[in-house]
PDB file of all heavy atoms in Angstrom:
ATOM      1  N   CYS A   1     116.026 117.615 105.163  1.00  0.00           N
ATOM      2  CA  CYS A   1     116.390 116.819 106.490  1.00  0.00           C
ATOM      3  C   CYS A   1     117.703 117.225 107.049  1.00  0.00           C
ATOM      4  O   CYS A   1     117.841 117.506 108.184  1.00  0.00           O
ATOM      5  CB  CYS A   1     116.234 115.381 106.223  1.00  0.00           C
ATOM      6  SG  CYS A   1     116.271 114.382 107.647  1.00  0.00           S
ATOM      7  N   LEU A   2     118.680 117.381 106.186  1.00  0.00           N
ATOM      8  CA  LEU A   2     120.041 117.594 106.580  1.00  0.00           C
ATOM      9  C   LEU A   2     120.091 119.100 106.908  1.00  0.00           C
ATOM     10  O   LEU A   2     120.873 119.542 107.865  1.00  0.00           O
ATOM     11  CB  LEU A   2     120.977 117.254 105.502  1.00  0.00           C
ATOM     12  CG  LEU A   2     122.476 117.252 105.915  1.00  0.00           C
ATOM     13  CD1 LEU A   2     122.750 116.150 106.873  1.00  0.00           C
ATOM     14  CD2 LEU A   2     123.433 117.048 104.641  1.00  0.00           C
ATOM     15  N   ASP A   3     119.415 119.983 106.046  1.00  0.00           N
ATOM     16  CA  ASP A   3     119.506 121.480 106.423  1.00  0.00           C
ATOM     17  C   ASP A   3     119.049 121.742 107.796  1.00  0.00           C
ATOM     18  O   ASP A   3     119.420 122.761 108.439  1.00  0.00           O
ATOM     19  CB  ASP A   3     118.641 122.182 105.462  1.00  0.00           C
ATOM     20  CG  ASP A   3     119.250 122.173 103.966  1.00  0.00           C
ATOM     21  OD1 ASP A   3     120.524 122.021 104.048  1.00  0.00           O
ATOM     22  OD2 ASP A   3     118.578 122.458 103.086  1.00  0.00           O
ATOM     23  N   GLU A   4     118.020 121.028 108.310  1.00  0.00           N
ATOM     24  CA  GLU A   4     117.366 121.298 109.604  1.00  0.00           C
ATOM     25  C   GLU A   4     117.778 120.380 110.682  1.00  0.00           C
ATOM     26  O   GLU A   4     117.138 120.160 111.703  1.00  0.00           O
ATOM     27  CB  GLU A   4     115.912 121.272 109.545  1.00  0.00           C
ATOM     28  CG  GLU A   4     115.424 122.358 108.469  1.00  0.00           C
ATOM     29  CD  GLU A   4     113.951 122.610 108.471  1.00  0.00           C
ATOM     30  OE1 GLU A   4     113.229 122.338 109.571  1.00  0.00           O
ATOM     31  OE2 GLU A   4     113.382 123.077 107.446  1.00  0.00           O
ATOM     32  N   MET A   5     119.014 119.749 110.547  1.00  0.00           N
ATOM     33  CA  MET A   5     119.511 118.866 111.531  1.00  0.00           C
ATOM     34  C   MET A   5     119.981 119.716 112.807  1.00  0.00           C
ATOM     35  O   MET A   5     120.221 120.874 112.708  1.00  0.00           O
ATOM     36  CB  MET A   5     120.686 118.045 111.134  1.00  0.00           C
ATOM     37  CG  MET A   5     121.923 118.835 110.700  1.00  0.00           C
ATOM     38  SD  MET A   5     123.133 117.923 109.979  1.00  0.00           S
ATOM     39  CE  MET A   5     124.382 119.199 109.405  1.00  0.00           C
ATOM     40  N   ASN A   6     119.963 119.057 113.967  1.00  0.00           N
ATOM     41  CA  ASN A   6     120.355 119.773 115.115  1.00  0.00           C
ATOM     42  C   ASN A   6     121.628 119.041 115.845  1.00  0.00           C
ATOM     43  O   ASN A   6     121.791 117.834 115.712  1.00  0.00           O
ATOM     44  CB  ASN A   6     119.246 119.583 116.289  1.00  0.00           C
ATOM     45  CG  ASN A   6     118.038 120.331 115.722  1.00  0.00           C
ATOM     46  OD1 ASN A   6     118.067 121.463 115.307  1.00  0.00           O
ATOM     47  ND2 ASN A   6     116.792 119.668 115.804  1.00  0.00           N
ATOM     48  N   SER A   7     122.495 119.882 116.345  1.00  0.00           N
ATOM     49  CA  SER A   7     123.680 119.327 116.987  1.00  0.00           C
ATOM     50  C   SER A   7     123.289 118.871 118.363  1.00  0.00           C
ATOM     51  O   SER A   7     122.606 119.439 119.108  1.00  0.00           O
ATOM     52  CB  SER A   7     124.703 120.455 117.139  1.00  0.00           C
ATOM     53  OG  SER A   7     125.870 119.984 117.743  1.00  0.00           O
ATOM     54  N   ASP A   8     123.816 117.643 118.814  1.00  0.00           N
ATOM     55  CA  ASP A   8     123.563 117.025 120.004  1.00  0.00           C
ATOM     56  C   ASP A   8     124.786 116.455 120.649  1.00  0.00           C
ATOM     57  O   ASP A   8     125.200 115.299 120.122  1.00  0.00           O
ATOM     58  CB  ASP A   8     122.420 116.050 119.918  1.00  0.00           C
ATOM     59  CG  ASP A   8     122.106 115.228 121.212  1.00  0.00           C
ATOM     60  OD1 ASP A   8     122.709 115.614 122.280  1.00  0.00           O
ATOM     61  OD2 ASP A   8     121.241 114.417 121.202  1.00  0.00           O
ATOM     62  N   LEU A   9     125.578 117.060 121.328  1.00  0.00           N
ATOM     63  CA  LEU A   9     127.024 116.717 121.854  1.00  0.00           C
ATOM     64  C   LEU A   9     127.763 116.466 120.669  1.00  0.00           C
ATOM     65  O   LEU A   9     128.058 117.274 119.795  1.00  0.00           O
ATOM     66  CB  LEU A   9     126.739 115.430 122.714  1.00  0.00           C
ATOM     67  CG  LEU A   9     125.956 115.645 123.969  1.00  0.00           C
ATOM     68  CD1 LEU A   9     125.877 114.249 124.675  1.00  0.00           C
ATOM     69  CD2 LEU A   9     126.600 116.651 124.879  1.00  0.00           C
ATOM     70  N   ASP A  10     128.347 115.211 120.460  1.00  0.00           N
ATOM     71  CA  ASP A  10     129.185 114.891 119.358  1.00  0.00           C
ATOM     72  C   ASP A  10     128.337 114.312 118.131  1.00  0.00           C
ATOM     73  O   ASP A  10     128.913 113.714 117.203  1.00  0.00           O
ATOM     74  CB  ASP A  10     130.093 113.836 119.741  1.00  0.00           C
ATOM     75  CG  ASP A  10     131.170 114.272 120.736  1.00  0.00           C
ATOM     76  OD1 ASP A  10     131.365 115.573 120.748  1.00  0.00           O
ATOM     77  OD2 ASP A  10     131.603 113.569 121.635  1.00  0.00           O
ATOM     78  N   PHE A  11     127.019 114.500 118.172  1.00  0.00           N
ATOM     79  CA  PHE A  11     126.068 113.899 117.186  1.00  0.00           C
ATOM     80  C   PHE A  11     125.472 115.003 116.355  1.00  0.00           C
ATOM     81  O   PHE A  11     125.325 116.103 116.892  1.00  0.00           O
ATOM     82  CB  PHE A  11     125.172 112.920 117.760  1.00  0.00           C
ATOM     83  CG  PHE A  11     125.704 111.982 118.865  1.00  0.00           C
ATOM     84  CD1 PHE A  11     125.596 112.211 120.140  1.00  0.00           C
ATOM     85  CD2 PHE A  11     126.355 110.921 118.243  1.00  0.00           C
ATOM     86  CE1 PHE A  11     126.149 111.265 121.005  1.00  0.00           C
ATOM     87  CE2 PHE A  11     127.056 109.918 119.274  1.00  0.00           C
ATOM     88  CZ  PHE A  11     126.848 110.227 120.634  1.00  0.00           C
ATOM     89  N   LEU A  12     124.912 114.675 115.196  1.00  0.00           N
ATOM     90  CA  LEU A  12     123.974 115.472 114.489  1.00  0.00           C
ATOM     91  C   LEU A  12     122.777 114.695 114.273  1.00  0.00           C
ATOM     92  O   LEU A  12     122.713 113.607 113.699  1.00  0.00           O
ATOM     93  CB  LEU A  12     124.703 115.852 113.135  1.00  0.00           C
ATOM     94  CG  LEU A  12     125.804 116.828 113.079  1.00  0.00           C
ATOM     95  CD1 LEU A  12     126.474 116.997 111.665  1.00  0.00           C
ATOM     96  CD2 LEU A  12     125.503 118.140 113.703  1.00  0.00           C
ATOM     97  N   ARG A  13     121.726 115.256 114.836  1.00  0.00           N
ATOM     98  CA  ARG A  13     120.378 114.573 114.843  1.00  0.00           C
ATOM     99  C   ARG A  13     119.458 115.116 113.657  1.00  0.00           C
ATOM    100  O   ARG A  13     119.347 116.363 113.562  1.00  0.00           O
ATOM    101  CB  ARG A  13     119.652 114.955 116.128  1.00  0.00           C
ATOM    102  CG  ARG A  13     118.496 114.092 116.458  1.00  0.00           C
ATOM    103  CD  ARG A  13     117.925 114.636 117.784  1.00  0.00           C
ATOM    104  NE  ARG A  13     118.663 114.234 118.894  1.00  0.00           N
ATOM    105  CZ  ARG A  13     118.682 113.120 119.621  1.00  0.00           C
ATOM    106  NH1 ARG A  13     117.836 112.233 119.239  1.00  0.00           N
ATOM    107  NH2 ARG A  13     119.436 112.966 120.662  1.00  0.00           N
ATOM    108  N   LEU A  14     119.247 114.134 112.809  1.00  0.00           N
ATOM    109  CA  LEU A  14     118.430 114.615 111.714  1.00  0.00           C
ATOM    110  C   LEU A  14     116.968 114.858 112.108  1.00  0.00           C
ATOM    111  O   LEU A  14     116.421 114.433 113.058  1.00  0.00           O
ATOM    112  CB  LEU A  14     118.181 113.345 110.588  1.00  0.00           C
ATOM    113  CG  LEU A  14     119.680 112.943 110.021  1.00  0.00           C
ATOM    114  CD1 LEU A  14     119.431 111.725 109.277  1.00  0.00           C
ATOM    115  CD2 LEU A  14     120.220 114.007 109.089  1.00  0.00           C
ATOM    116  N   ASN A  15     116.356 115.950 111.353  1.00  0.00           N
ATOM    117  CA  ASN A  15     115.180 116.503 111.753  1.00  0.00           C
ATOM    118  C   ASN A  15     114.035 115.377 111.631  1.00  0.00           C
ATOM    119  O   ASN A  15     113.860 114.840 110.474  1.00  0.00           O
ATOM    120  CB  ASN A  15     114.791 117.759 110.976  1.00  0.00           C
ATOM    121  CG  ASN A  15     113.507 118.291 111.340  1.00  0.00           C
ATOM    122  OD1 ASN A  15     112.345 117.809 110.936  1.00  0.00           O
ATOM    123  ND2 ASN A  15     113.548 119.400 112.149  1.00  0.00           N
ATOM    124  N   LYS A  16     113.297 115.104 112.709  1.00  0.00           N
ATOM    125  CA  LYS A  16     112.429 113.885 112.679  1.00  0.00           C
ATOM    126  C   LYS A  16     111.256 114.198 111.740  1.00  0.00           C
ATOM    127  O   LYS A  16     110.860 113.282 110.838  1.00  0.00           O
ATOM    128  CB  LYS A  16     111.848 113.708 114.058  1.00  0.00           C
ATOM    129  CG  LYS A  16     110.962 112.439 114.174  1.00  0.00           C
ATOM    130  CD  LYS A  16     110.663 112.208 115.662  1.00  0.00           C
ATOM    131  CE  LYS A  16     109.882 110.830 115.771  1.00  0.00           C
ATOM    132  NZ  LYS A  16     109.551 110.520 117.131  1.00  0.00           N
ATOM    133  N   LYS A  17     110.665 115.346 111.715  1.00  0.00           N
ATOM    134  CA  LYS A  17     109.532 115.617 110.855  1.00  0.00           C
ATOM    135  C   LYS A  17     109.804 115.514 109.439  1.00  0.00           C
ATOM    136  O   LYS A  17     109.152 115.070 108.532  1.00  0.00           O
ATOM    137  CB  LYS A  17     108.902 116.948 111.246  1.00  0.00           C
ATOM    138  CG  LYS A  17     108.129 116.974 112.542  1.00  0.00           C
ATOM    139  CD  LYS A  17     107.467 118.342 112.778  1.00  0.00           C
ATOM    140  CE  LYS A  17     106.622 118.289 114.044  1.00  0.00           C
ATOM    141  NZ  LYS A  17     106.052 119.652 114.363  1.00  0.00           N
ATOM    142  N   LYS A  18     111.117 116.159 109.110  1.00  0.00           N
ATOM    143  CA  LYS A  18     111.590 116.090 107.737  1.00  0.00           C
ATOM    144  C   LYS A  18     111.931 114.794 107.301  1.00  0.00           C
ATOM    145  O   LYS A  18     111.673 114.341 106.161  1.00  0.00           O
ATOM    146  CB  LYS A  18     112.822 117.140 107.526  1.00  0.00           C
ATOM    147  CG  LYS A  18     112.509 118.553 107.828  1.00  0.00           C
ATOM    148  CD  LYS A  18     111.502 119.130 106.832  1.00  0.00           C
ATOM    149  CE  LYS A  18     111.213 120.591 107.105  1.00  0.00           C
ATOM    150  NZ  LYS A  18     110.281 121.217 106.183  1.00  0.00           N
ATOM    151  N   PHE A  19     112.473 114.026 108.234  1.00  0.00           N
ATOM    152  CA  PHE A  19     112.915 112.555 107.876  1.00  0.00           C
ATOM    153  C   PHE A  19     111.712 111.747 107.558  1.00  0.00           C
ATOM    154  O   PHE A  19     111.842 110.803 106.786  1.00  0.00           O
ATOM    155  CB  PHE A  19     113.754 111.980 109.001  1.00  0.00           C
ATOM    156  CG  PHE A  19     114.544 110.824 108.665  1.00  0.00           C
ATOM    157  CD1 PHE A  19     115.481 110.788 107.786  1.00  0.00           C
ATOM    158  CD2 PHE A  19     114.215 109.565 109.312  1.00  0.00           C
ATOM    159  CE1 PHE A  19     116.257 109.707 107.435  1.00  0.00           C
ATOM    160  CE2 PHE A  19     114.927 108.467 108.964  1.00  0.00           C
ATOM    161  CZ  PHE A  19     115.974 108.517 108.069  1.00  0.00           C
ATOM    162  N   MET A  20     110.549 111.964 108.261  1.00  0.00           N
ATOM    163  CA  MET A  20     109.425 111.252 107.988  1.00  0.00           C
ATOM    164  C   MET A  20     108.843 111.496 106.603  1.00  0.00           C
ATOM    165  O   MET A  20     108.177 110.534 106.065  1.00  0.00           O
ATOM    166  CB  MET A  20     108.372 111.624 109.000  1.00  0.00           C
ATOM    167  CG  MET A  20     107.208 110.730 109.183  1.00  0.00           C
ATOM    168  SD  MET A  20     106.121 111.212 110.524  1.00  0.00           S
ATOM    169  CE  MET A  20     107.162 110.942 111.888  1.00  0.00           C
ATOM    170  N   ASN A  21     109.245 112.594 105.962  1.00  0.00           N
ATOM    171  CA  ASN A  21     108.694 112.835 104.610  1.00  0.00           C
ATOM    172  C   ASN A  21     109.616 112.320 103.499  1.00  0.00           C
ATOM    173  O   ASN A  21     109.372 112.367 102.311  1.00  0.00           O
ATOM    174  CB  ASN A  21     108.496 114.378 104.478  1.00  0.00           C
ATOM    175  CG  ASN A  21     107.511 114.826 105.308  1.00  0.00           C
ATOM    176  OD1 ASN A  21     106.459 114.301 105.620  1.00  0.00           O
ATOM    177  ND2 ASN A  21     107.610 116.101 105.787  1.00  0.00           N
ATOM    178  N   VAL A  22     110.776 111.782 103.991  1.00  0.00           N
ATOM    179  CA  VAL A  22     111.797 111.247 102.955  1.00  0.00           C
ATOM    180  C   VAL A  22     111.137 109.920 102.379  1.00  0.00           C
ATOM    181  O   VAL A  22     110.822 109.026 103.124  1.00  0.00           O
ATOM    182  CB  VAL A  22     113.091 111.020 103.566  1.00  0.00           C
ATOM    183  CG1 VAL A  22     114.026 110.364 102.547  1.00  0.00           C
ATOM    184  CG2 VAL A  22     113.684 112.346 104.117  1.00  0.00           C
ATOM    185  N   PRO A  23     111.115 109.814 101.048  1.00  0.00           N
ATOM    186  CA  PRO A  23     110.667 108.515 100.497  1.00  0.00           C
ATOM    187  C   PRO A  23     111.466 107.381 100.944  1.00  0.00           C
ATOM    188  O   PRO A  23     112.658 107.376 101.046  1.00  0.00           O
ATOM    189  CB  PRO A  23     110.807 108.706  98.903  1.00  0.00           C
ATOM    190  CG  PRO A  23     110.829 110.236  98.712  1.00  0.00           C
ATOM    191  CD  PRO A  23     111.495 110.767  99.934  1.00  0.00           C
ATOM    192  N   ASN A  24     110.837 106.282 101.247  1.00  0.00           N
ATOM    193  CA  ASN A  24     111.471 105.024 101.926  1.00  0.00           C
ATOM    194  C   ASN A  24     111.757 103.999 100.846  1.00  0.00           C
ATOM    195  O   ASN A  24     110.875 103.064 100.671  1.00  0.00           O
ATOM    196  CB  ASN A  24     110.532 104.607 102.923  1.00  0.00           C
ATOM    197  CG  ASN A  24     111.221 103.443 103.822  1.00  0.00           C
ATOM    198  OD1 ASN A  24     112.449 103.482 103.924  1.00  0.00           O
ATOM    199  ND2 ASN A  24     110.471 102.639 104.445  1.00  0.00           N
ATOM    200  N   PHE A  25     112.905 104.171 100.101  1.00  0.00           N
ATOM    201  CA  PHE A  25     113.128 103.192  98.941  1.00  0.00           C
ATOM    202  C   PHE A  25     114.599 102.732  99.171  1.00  0.00           C
ATOM    203  O   PHE A  25     115.495 103.377  99.821  1.00  0.00           O
ATOM    204  CB  PHE A  25     113.168 103.972  97.686  1.00  0.00           C
ATOM    205  CG  PHE A  25     111.757 104.210  97.174  1.00  0.00           C
ATOM    206  CD1 PHE A  25     111.054 105.304  97.469  1.00  0.00           C
ATOM    207  CD2 PHE A  25     111.093 103.231  96.356  1.00  0.00           C
ATOM    208  CE1 PHE A  25     109.782 105.585  97.000  1.00  0.00           C
ATOM    209  CE2 PHE A  25     109.802 103.415  95.885  1.00  0.00           C
ATOM    210  CZ  PHE A  25     109.197 104.672  96.207  1.00  0.00           C
ATOM    211  N   SER A  26     114.913 101.474  98.627  1.00  0.00           N
ATOM    212  CA  SER A  26     116.278 101.065  98.600  1.00  0.00           C
ATOM    213  C   SER A  26     117.034 101.883  97.615  1.00  0.00           C
ATOM    214  O   SER A  26     116.447 102.278  96.575  1.00  0.00           O
ATOM    215  CB  SER A  26     116.331  99.546  98.437  1.00  0.00           C
ATOM    216  OG  SER A  26     116.007  99.304  97.067  1.00  0.00           O
ATOM    217  N   PHE A  27     118.349 101.892  97.698  1.00  0.00           N
ATOM    218  CA  PHE A  27     119.224 102.583  96.732  1.00  0.00           C
ATOM    219  C   PHE A  27     119.146 101.933  95.447  1.00  0.00           C
ATOM    220  O   PHE A  27     119.174 102.400  94.364  1.00  0.00           O
ATOM    221  CB  PHE A  27     120.669 102.655  97.264  1.00  0.00           C
ATOM    222  CG  PHE A  27     121.521 103.570  96.513  1.00  0.00           C
ATOM    223  CD1 PHE A  27     121.376 104.929  96.550  1.00  0.00           C
ATOM    224  CD2 PHE A  27     122.569 102.958  95.749  1.00  0.00           C
ATOM    225  CE1 PHE A  27     122.214 105.724  95.681  1.00  0.00           C
ATOM    226  CE2 PHE A  27     123.393 103.683  95.037  1.00  0.00           C
ATOM    227  CZ  PHE A  27     123.243 105.096  94.884  1.00  0.00           C
ATOM    228  N   ASP A  28     119.162 100.510  95.535  1.00  0.00           N
ATOM    229  CA  ASP A  28     119.183  99.787  94.310  1.00  0.00           C
ATOM    230  C   ASP A  28     117.930 100.064  93.414  1.00  0.00           C
ATOM    231  O   ASP A  28     117.969 100.322  92.207  1.00  0.00           O
ATOM    232  CB  ASP A  28     119.182  98.231  94.577  1.00  0.00           C
ATOM    233  CG  ASP A  28     120.453  97.722  95.116  1.00  0.00           C
ATOM    234  OD1 ASP A  28     121.475  98.518  94.917  1.00  0.00           O
ATOM    235  OD2 ASP A  28     120.450  96.534  95.654  1.00  0.00           O
ATOM    236  N   ILE A  29     116.762  99.977  94.035  1.00  0.00           N
ATOM    237  CA  ILE A  29     115.521 100.270  93.347  1.00  0.00           C
ATOM    238  C   ILE A  29     115.271 101.678  92.928  1.00  0.00           C
ATOM    239  O   ILE A  29     114.952 102.019  91.775  1.00  0.00           O
ATOM    240  CB  ILE A  29     114.220  99.792  94.159  1.00  0.00           C
ATOM    241  CG1 ILE A  29     114.331  98.272  94.321  1.00  0.00           C
ATOM    242  CG2 ILE A  29     112.920 100.220  93.582  1.00  0.00           C
ATOM    243  CD1 ILE A  29     113.288  97.691  95.268  1.00  0.00           C
ATOM    244  N   ALA A  30     115.527 102.587  93.754  1.00  0.00           N
ATOM    245  CA  ALA A  30     115.508 104.021  93.398  1.00  0.00           C
ATOM    246  C   ALA A  30     116.386 104.515  92.380  1.00  0.00           C
ATOM    247  O   ALA A  30     115.936 105.340  91.573  1.00  0.00           O
ATOM    248  CB  ALA A  30     115.437 104.890  94.758  1.00  0.00           C
ATOM    249  N   ILE A  31     117.692 104.096  92.501  1.00  0.00           N
ATOM    250  CA  ILE A  31     118.697 104.857  91.722  1.00  0.00           C
ATOM    251  C   ILE A  31     119.400 103.829  90.771  1.00  0.00           C
ATOM    252  O   ILE A  31     119.396 103.979  89.565  1.00  0.00           O
ATOM    253  CB  ILE A  31     119.757 105.450  92.676  1.00  0.00           C
ATOM    254  CG1 ILE A  31     119.109 106.522  93.627  1.00  0.00           C
ATOM    255  CG2 ILE A  31     120.769 106.219  91.786  1.00  0.00           C
ATOM    256  CD1 ILE A  31     118.321 107.623  92.859  1.00  0.00           C
ATOM    257  N   MET A  32     119.867 102.749  91.307  1.00  0.00           N
ATOM    258  CA  MET A  32     120.765 101.850  90.535  1.00  0.00           C
ATOM    259  C   MET A  32     119.968 101.268  89.297  1.00  0.00           C
ATOM    260  O   MET A  32     120.551 100.978  88.304  1.00  0.00           O
ATOM    261  CB  MET A  32     121.422 100.796  91.315  1.00  0.00           C
ATOM    262  CG  MET A  32     122.398 101.330  92.400  1.00  0.00           C
ATOM    263  SD  MET A  32     123.701 102.293  91.677  1.00  0.00           S
ATOM    264  CE  MET A  32     124.763 101.086  90.841  1.00  0.00           C
ATOM    265  N   GLU A  33     118.671 100.909  89.489  1.00  0.00           N
ATOM    266  CA  GLU A  33     117.872 100.412  88.442  1.00  0.00           C
ATOM    267  C   GLU A  33     117.535 101.341  87.443  1.00  0.00           C
ATOM    268  O   GLU A  33     116.872 100.988  86.410  1.00  0.00           O
ATOM    269  CB  GLU A  33     116.768  99.600  89.023  1.00  0.00           C
ATOM    270  CG  GLU A  33     117.133  98.400  89.788  1.00  0.00           C
ATOM    271  CD  GLU A  33     115.918  97.566  90.264  1.00  0.00           C
ATOM    272  OE1 GLU A  33     114.710  97.972  89.946  1.00  0.00           O
ATOM    273  OE2 GLU A  33     116.075  96.515  90.992  1.00  0.00           O
ATOM    274  N   ASN A  34     117.760 102.650  87.644  1.00  0.00           N
ATOM    275  CA  ASN A  34     117.308 103.629  86.760  1.00  0.00           C
ATOM    276  C   ASN A  34     118.390 104.615  86.220  1.00  0.00           C
ATOM    277  O   ASN A  34     118.220 105.542  85.623  1.00  0.00           O
ATOM    278  CB  ASN A  34     116.257 104.554  87.556  1.00  0.00           C
ATOM    279  CG  ASN A  34     115.019 103.802  87.849  1.00  0.00           C
ATOM    280  OD1 ASN A  34     114.137 103.447  87.035  1.00  0.00           O
ATOM    281  ND2 ASN A  34     114.753 103.482  89.157  1.00  0.00           N
ATOM    282  N   THR A  35     119.620 104.213  86.550  1.00  0.00           N
ATOM    283  CA  THR A  35     120.741 104.964  86.085  1.00  0.00           C
ATOM    284  C   THR A  35     121.523 104.181  85.003  1.00  0.00           C
ATOM    285  O   THR A  35     121.489 102.996  84.911  1.00  0.00           O
ATOM    286  CB  THR A  35     121.701 105.251  87.101  1.00  0.00           C
ATOM    287  OG1 THR A  35     122.736 106.094  86.665  1.00  0.00           O
ATOM    288  CG2 THR A  35     122.345 104.024  87.771  1.00  0.00           C
ATOM    289  N   LYS A  36     122.119 105.011  84.007  1.00  0.00           N
ATOM    290  CA  LYS A  36     123.026 104.373  83.024  1.00  0.00           C
ATOM    291  C   LYS A  36     124.481 104.474  83.363  1.00  0.00           C
ATOM    292  O   LYS A  36     125.290 104.179  82.619  1.00  0.00           O
ATOM    293  CB  LYS A  36     122.757 105.097  81.657  1.00  0.00           C
ATOM    294  CG  LYS A  36     121.375 104.996  81.047  1.00  0.00           C
ATOM    295  CD  LYS A  36     121.115 105.644  79.840  1.00  0.00           C
ATOM    296  CE  LYS A  36     119.766 105.350  79.171  1.00  0.00           C
ATOM    297  NZ  LYS A  36     119.549 106.142  77.888  1.00  0.00           N
ATOM    298  N   LEU A  37     124.701 104.957  84.610  1.00  0.00           N
ATOM    299  CA  LEU A  37     126.083 105.150  85.075  1.00  0.00           C
ATOM    300  C   LEU A  37     126.461 103.945  85.921  1.00  0.00           C
ATOM    301  O   LEU A  37     127.655 103.865  86.520  1.00  0.00           O
ATOM    302  CB  LEU A  37     126.175 106.371  85.945  1.00  0.00           C
ATOM    303  CG  LEU A  37     125.810 107.662  85.141  1.00  0.00           C
ATOM    304  CD1 LEU A  37     125.960 108.798  86.179  1.00  0.00           C
ATOM    305  CD2 LEU A  37     126.647 107.905  84.047  1.00  0.00           C
ATOM    306  N   GLY A  38     125.617 102.917  86.126  1.00  0.00           N
ATOM    307  CA  GLY A  38     125.971 101.723  86.955  1.00  0.00           C
ATOM    308  C   GLY A  38     127.137 100.911  86.454  1.00  0.00           C
ATOM    309  O   GLY A  38     127.065 100.501  85.296  1.00  0.00           O
ATOM    310  N   THR A  39     128.049 100.647  87.287  1.00  0.00           N
ATOM    311  CA  THR A  39     129.248  99.766  86.946  1.00  0.00           C
ATOM    312  C   THR A  39     129.534  98.790  88.082  1.00  0.00           C
ATOM    313  O   THR A  39     129.353  99.093  89.168  1.00  0.00           O
ATOM    314  CB  THR A  39     130.474 100.709  86.770  1.00  0.00           C
ATOM    315  OG1 THR A  39     130.232 101.629  85.722  1.00  0.00           O
ATOM    316  CG2 THR A  39     131.722  99.916  86.453  1.00  0.00           C
ATOM    317  N   VAL A  40     129.740  97.534  87.713  1.00  0.00           N
ATOM    318  CA  VAL A  40     130.056  96.586  88.691  1.00  0.00           C
ATOM    319  C   VAL A  40     131.452  96.065  88.548  1.00  0.00           C
ATOM    320  O   VAL A  40     131.922  95.757  87.469  1.00  0.00           O
ATOM    321  CB  VAL A  40     129.036  95.445  88.586  1.00  0.00           C
ATOM    322  CG1 VAL A  40     128.971  94.641  87.230  1.00  0.00           C
ATOM    323  CG2 VAL A  40     129.314  94.425  89.651  1.00  0.00           C
ATOM    324  N   LEU A  41     132.144  95.955  89.657  1.00  0.00           N
ATOM    325  CA  LEU A  41     133.442  95.362  89.669  1.00  0.00           C
ATOM    326  C   LEU A  41     133.406  94.036  90.490  1.00  0.00           C
ATOM    327  O   LEU A  41     132.783  94.012  91.573  1.00  0.00           O
ATOM    328  CB  LEU A  41     134.473  96.236  90.460  1.00  0.00           C
ATOM    329  CG  LEU A  41     135.320  97.306  89.593  1.00  0.00           C
ATOM    330  CD1 LEU A  41     136.097  98.200  90.480  1.00  0.00           C
ATOM    331  CD2 LEU A  41     136.197  96.595  88.611  1.00  0.00           C
ATOM    332  N   PRO A  42     133.993  92.938  89.928  1.00  0.00           N
ATOM    333  CA  PRO A  42     133.958  91.674  90.690  1.00  0.00           C
ATOM    334  C   PRO A  42     134.751  91.737  91.875  1.00  0.00           C
ATOM    335  O   PRO A  42     135.928  92.234  91.872  1.00  0.00           O
ATOM    336  CB  PRO A  42     134.477  90.642  89.695  1.00  0.00           C
ATOM    337  CG  PRO A  42     135.198  91.386  88.752  1.00  0.00           C
ATOM    338  CD  PRO A  42     134.589  92.727  88.551  1.00  0.00           C
ATOM    339  N   LEU A  43     134.185  91.377  93.095  1.00  0.00           N
ATOM    340  CA  LEU A  43     134.849  91.366  94.350  1.00  0.00           C
ATOM    341  C   LEU A  43     135.125  89.889  94.787  1.00  0.00           C
ATOM    342  O   LEU A  43     134.166  89.167  95.002  1.00  0.00           O
ATOM    343  CB  LEU A  43     134.089  92.097  95.377  1.00  0.00           C
ATOM    344  CG  LEU A  43     134.623  92.189  96.830  1.00  0.00           C
ATOM    345  CD1 LEU A  43     135.884  92.868  96.919  1.00  0.00           C
ATOM    346  CD2 LEU A  43     133.577  92.763  97.749  1.00  0.00           C
ATOM    347  N   ASP A  44     136.349  89.553  94.977  1.00  0.00           N
ATOM    348  CA  ASP A  44     136.746  88.209  95.346  1.00  0.00           C
ATOM    349  C   ASP A  44     137.545  88.219  96.650  1.00  0.00           C
ATOM    350  O   ASP A  44     138.765  88.284  96.579  1.00  0.00           O
ATOM    351  CB  ASP A  44     137.419  87.392  94.349  1.00  0.00           C
ATOM    352  CG  ASP A  44     137.444  85.892  94.614  1.00  0.00           C
ATOM    353  OD1 ASP A  44     136.931  85.513  95.636  1.00  0.00           O
ATOM    354  OD2 ASP A  44     138.105  85.070  93.881  1.00  0.00           O
ATOM    355  N   ALA A  45     136.987  88.488  97.830  1.00  0.00           N
ATOM    356  CA  ALA A  45     137.688  88.890  98.995  1.00  0.00           C
ATOM    357  C   ALA A  45     137.191  88.209 100.266  1.00  0.00           C
ATOM    358  O   ALA A  45     137.371  88.793 101.360  1.00  0.00           O
ATOM    359  CB  ALA A  45     137.667  90.465  99.191  1.00  0.00           C
TER     360      ALA A  45
END
Protein backbone atom coordinates (compact mmCIF):
# COMPACT_ATOMS: atom_id res chain seq x y z
CA CYS A 1 0.00 0.00 0.00
CA LEU A 2 2.81 2.39 0.90
CA ASP A 3 4.96 1.36 -2.09
CA GLU A 4 2.22 2.41 -4.49
CA MET A 5 1.15 5.63 -2.80
CA ASN A 6 0.71 8.76 -4.92
CA SER A 7 1.80 12.30 -4.20
CA ASP A 8 -1.05 14.84 -4.10
CA LEU A 9 0.13 18.39 -3.35
CA ASP A 10 1.43 18.26 0.25
CA PHE A 11 -0.17 14.86 0.86
CA LEU A 12 0.66 11.21 0.18
CA ARG A 13 -2.40 9.27 -0.93
CA LEU A 14 -2.38 5.55 -0.05
CA ASN A 15 -3.30 3.27 -2.93
CA LYS A 16 -7.02 2.56 -2.62
CA LYS A 17 -7.03 -0.93 -4.16
CA LYS A 18 -4.05 -2.02 -2.08
CA PHE A 19 -5.49 -0.46 1.07
CA MET A 20 -8.71 -2.42 0.56
CA ASN A 21 -6.68 -5.64 0.81
CA VAL A 22 -5.04 -4.71 4.12
CA PRO A 23 -6.45 -6.85 7.00
CA ASN A 24 -8.76 -4.79 9.18
CA PHE A 25 -7.61 -5.48 12.77
CA SER A 26 -6.90 -3.45 15.85
CA PHE A 27 -3.24 -3.19 16.90
CA ASP A 28 -4.06 -4.67 20.31
CA ILE A 29 -5.67 -7.82 18.90
CA ALA A 30 -3.33 -8.33 15.94
CA ILE A 31 0.01 -7.61 17.61
CA MET A 32 -0.05 -6.74 21.32
CA GLU A 33 -1.98 -9.86 22.34
CA ASN A 34 0.47 -12.05 20.40
CA THR A 35 3.86 -10.55 21.25
CA LYS A 36 6.18 -11.29 24.17
CA LEU A 37 7.69 -7.80 23.84
CA GLY A 38 4.70 -5.97 25.34
CA THR A 39 5.56 -3.60 28.19
CA VAL A 40 3.23 -1.27 30.08
CA LEU A 41 4.22 1.91 31.91
CA PRO A 42 1.68 3.45 34.32
CA LEU A 43 0.57 6.89 33.11
CA ASP A 44 -0.79 9.34 35.67
CA ALA A 45 -1.19 12.58 33.72
